[in-house]
C-alpha atoms as a PDB file:
ATOM      1  CA  MET A   1      -0.041   0.187  -0.076  1.00  0.00           C
ATOM      2  CA  LEU A   2       2.880   2.359   0.798  1.00  0.00           C
ATOM      3  CA  LEU A   3       4.716   1.396  -2.194  1.00  0.00           C
ATOM      4  CA  GLN A   4       1.776   1.898  -4.073  1.00  0.00           C
ATOM      5  CA  LEU A   5       1.261   5.493  -2.891  1.00  0.00           C
ATOM      6  CA  ILE A   6       4.752   6.454  -3.629  1.00  0.00           C
ATOM      7  CA  GLU A   7       4.270   5.567  -6.923  1.00  0.00           C
ATOM      8  CA  GLU A   8       0.935   7.480  -7.184  1.00  0.00           C
ATOM      9  CA  LYS A   9       2.640  10.543  -5.185  1.00  0.00           C
ATOM     10  CA  ARG A  10       6.013  10.134  -7.921  1.00  0.00           C
ATOM     11  CA  GLU A  11       3.640  10.514 -11.061  1.00  0.00           C
ATOM     12  CA  VAL A  12       1.525  13.424  -9.886  1.00  0.00           C
ATOM     13  CA  LEU A  13       5.077  14.866  -8.569  1.00  0.00           C
ATOM     14  CA  LEU A  14       6.201  14.674 -12.088  1.00  0.00           C
ATOM     15  CA  CYS A  15       2.886  15.974 -13.997  1.00  0.00           C
ATOM     16  CA  LEU A  16       2.845  19.148 -12.158  1.00  0.00           C
ATOM     17  CA  GLY A  17       6.682  20.020 -12.507  1.00  0.00           C
ATOM     18  CA  LYS A  18       6.046  19.518 -16.404  1.00  0.00           C
ATOM     19  CA  THR A  19       2.711  21.544 -16.107  1.00  0.00           C
ATOM     20  CA  TYR A  20       3.772  24.534 -13.375  1.00  0.00           C
ATOM     21  CA  GLY A  21       7.544  23.727 -12.765  1.00  0.00           C
ATOM     22  CA  LEU A  22       9.584  22.922 -10.588  1.00  0.00           C
ATOM     23  CA  SER A  23       9.741  25.693  -8.256  1.00  0.00           C
ATOM     24  CA  ALA A  24       5.781  26.433  -8.114  1.00  0.00           C
ATOM     25  CA  GLN A  25       4.154  25.853  -5.180  1.00  0.00           C
ATOM     26  CA  GLU A  26       1.830  23.376  -6.143  1.00  0.00           C
ATOM     27  CA  THR A  27       5.536  21.071  -7.232  1.00  0.00           C
ATOM     28  CA  VAL A  28       7.097  22.016  -3.898  1.00  0.00           C
ATOM     29  CA  THR A  29       4.102  20.962  -1.479  1.00  0.00           C
ATOM     30  CA  CYS A  30       3.571  17.650  -3.535  1.00  0.00           C
ATOM     31  CA  SER A  31       7.687  16.924  -3.489  1.00  0.00           C
ATOM     32  CA  GLN A  32       7.129  17.543   0.101  1.00  0.00           C
ATOM     33  CA  GLU A  33       4.289  14.741   0.800  1.00  0.00           C
ATOM     34  CA  LEU A  34       6.483  12.593  -1.324  1.00  0.00           C
ATOM     35  CA  ASP A  35       9.310  12.906   0.794  1.00  0.00           C
ATOM     36  CA  GLN A  36       7.102  12.423   3.717  1.00  0.00           C
ATOM     37  CA  LEU A  37       5.986   8.889   2.617  1.00  0.00           C
ATOM     38  CA  LEU A  38       9.699   8.260   1.245  1.00  0.00           C
ATOM     39  CA  ASN A  39      10.657   8.934   5.189  1.00  0.00           C
ATOM     40  CA  ARG A  40       8.199   6.493   6.428  1.00  0.00           C
ATOM     41  CA  LEU A  41       9.213   3.670   4.694  1.00  0.00           C
ATOM     42  CA  ASP A  42      12.587   3.878   5.150  1.00  0.00           C
ATOM     43  CA  GLY A  43      11.649   4.089   9.140  1.00  0.00           C
ATOM     44  CA  PHE A  44       9.231   0.941   8.324  1.00  0.00           C
ATOM     45  CA  MET A  45      12.667  -0.926   6.752  1.00  0.00           C
ATOM     46  CA  LYS A  46      15.027   0.044   8.820  1.00  0.00           C
ATOM     47  CA  GLU A  47      12.639  -1.701  11.811  1.00  0.00           C
ATOM     48  CA  PRO A  48      14.177  -5.048  13.080  1.00  0.00           C
ATOM     49  CA  ASN A  49      11.389  -6.786  11.965  1.00  0.00           C
ATOM     50  CA  ASN A  50      11.869  -5.619   8.299  1.00  0.00           C
ATOM     51  CA  GLU A  51      15.406  -6.521   7.609  1.00  0.00           C
ATOM     52  CA  THR A  52      16.553  -8.306   4.478  1.00  0.00           C
END
């Protein structure tokens, strides 16, 4: 589920970047949301039960 959310947010970010530019507020906000999702994934992967 988290990986799907990350992929969807990446797609939205790419569209926003192409449409409004990389420094537009919409793009920056979406990028920050993607960062939060990636940080959640990173935290999940660092949990002892989830190490590979």
